[in-house]
Amino acid sequence: MIIVTRLDGREFALNPDLIERIFESPDTTVVMADGANYIVTESMAGIIQKIACFRARIISMARDYVEEEMPLPTPPKLSIIHPSGNPHTSGS
């Protein structure tokens, strides 16, 4: 989530994955995928920067999580089962 500010000074969080578009005219308006519109004090460039930082933080957390907290599983050992039951005999 990114934190943005309403014109009256109240802060709230937006899910950046649901932002459809942002425009300035002169106030910055954020249009969400569900059609909701939010007028905020941040500039369009400021919101884009917040989204980039949010995504970078998520990627960093995922990288650290995989390396430190969740080791990769050991792949299972596979063996060949011969239909005749004896690997040294031919099928004839």
Protein backbone atom coordinates (compact mmCIF):
# COMPACT_ATOMS: atom_id res chain seq x y z
CA MET A 1 0.00 0.00 0.00
CA ILE A 2 1.11 3.57 -0.59
CA ILE A 3 0.15 6.48 1.67
CA VAL A 4 -1.37 9.54 -0.01
CA THR A 5 -2.96 12.72 1.37
CA ARG A 6 -6.42 14.12 0.75
CA LEU A 7 -6.80 17.85 0.18
CA ASP A 8 -8.03 18.26 3.78
CA GLY A 9 -4.76 16.78 5.09
CA ARG A 10 -6.01 13.30 6.02
CA GLU A 11 -3.78 10.44 4.92
CA PHE A 12 -5.01 7.14 3.59
CA ALA A 13 -3.56 4.07 1.90
CA LEU A 14 -4.11 2.99 -1.69
CA ASN A 15 -3.38 -0.36 -3.29
CA PRO A 16 -1.07 0.60 -6.18
CA ASP A 17 -2.02 -2.58 -8.06
CA LEU A 18 -5.53 -1.18 -8.46
CA ILE A 19 -4.55 2.27 -9.80
CA GLU A 20 -5.73 2.61 -13.37
CA ARG A 21 -4.48 6.13 -14.11
CA ILE A 22 -3.23 9.35 -12.54
CA PHE A 23 -3.62 12.83 -13.95
CA GLU A 24 -2.97 16.44 -12.89
CA SER A 25 -5.44 19.15 -13.84
CA PRO A 26 -4.26 21.11 -11.67
CA ASP A 27 -4.99 18.83 -8.69
CA THR A 28 -3.73 15.26 -8.86
CA THR A 29 -6.51 12.72 -9.38
CA VAL A 30 -5.99 9.00 -8.92
CA VAL A 31 -8.49 6.81 -10.75
CA MET A 32 -8.84 3.27 -9.46
CA ALA A 33 -9.78 0.15 -11.43
CA ASP A 34 -13.23 0.11 -9.78
CA GLY A 35 -13.89 3.69 -10.97
CA ALA A 36 -13.25 5.43 -7.63
CA ASN A 37 -11.53 8.83 -7.92
CA TYR A 38 -9.28 10.34 -5.27
CA ILE A 39 -7.95 13.90 -5.36
CA VAL A 40 -4.65 14.06 -3.50
CA THR A 41 -1.99 16.62 -2.63
CA GLU A 42 0.93 14.57 -4.01
CA SER A 43 2.09 15.24 -7.57
CA MET A 44 1.73 12.62 -10.27
CA ALA A 45 5.53 12.16 -10.24
CA GLY A 46 5.42 11.80 -6.44
CA ILE A 47 2.81 9.04 -6.62
CA ILE A 48 4.75 7.23 -9.34
CA GLN A 49 7.86 7.43 -7.12
CA LYS A 50 5.89 5.98 -4.17
CA ILE A 51 4.69 3.11 -6.36
CA ALA A 52 8.24 2.38 -7.56
CA CYS A 53 9.53 2.37 -3.96
CA PHE A 54 6.66 0.10 -2.87
CA ARG A 55 7.39 -2.41 -5.64
CA ALA A 56 11.14 -2.33 -4.92
CA ARG A 57 10.44 -3.00 -1.24
CA ILE A 58 8.20 -5.98 -2.09
CA ILE A 59 10.84 -7.46 -4.41
CA SER A 60 13.53 -6.95 -1.76
CA MET A 61 11.40 -8.60 0.92
CA ALA A 62 10.66 -11.56 -1.36
CA ARG A 63 14.34 -12.02 -2.20
CA ASP A 64 15.34 -11.92 1.47
CA TYR A 65 12.51 -14.28 2.43
CA VAL A 66 13.51 -16.93 -0.08
CA GLU A 67 17.21 -16.79 0.81
CA GLU A 68 16.95 -16.61 4.60
CA GLU A 69 13.65 -18.03 5.79
CA MET A 70 12.57 -20.52 3.16
CA PRO A 71 15.33 -22.74 1.79
CA LEU A 72 14.69 -24.36 -1.56
CA PRO A 73 13.39 -27.91 -1.19
CA THR A 74 15.62 -30.82 -2.13
CA PRO A 75 14.33 -32.33 -5.37
CA PRO A 76 13.04 -35.89 -5.06
CA LYS A 77 15.31 -38.72 -6.17
CA LEU A 78 13.97 -40.51 -9.21
CA SER A 79 14.60 -44.13 -10.10
CA ILE A 80 13.80 -46.15 -13.18
CA ILE A 81 11.48 -49.12 -12.84
CA HIS A 82 11.99 -51.65 -15.62
CA PRO A 83 8.83 -53.39 -16.79
CA SER A 84 10.50 -56.85 -16.75
CA GLY A 85 11.66 -56.37 -13.20
CA ASN A 86 15.29 -56.98 -14.22
CA PRO A 87 17.26 -54.05 -15.67
CA HIS A 88 19.79 -56.37 -17.32
CA THR A 89 17.44 -58.36 -19.53
CA SER A 90 16.20 -57.20 -22.87
CA GLY A 91 12.56 -57.14 -23.67
CA SER A 92 12.89 -60.01 -26.20
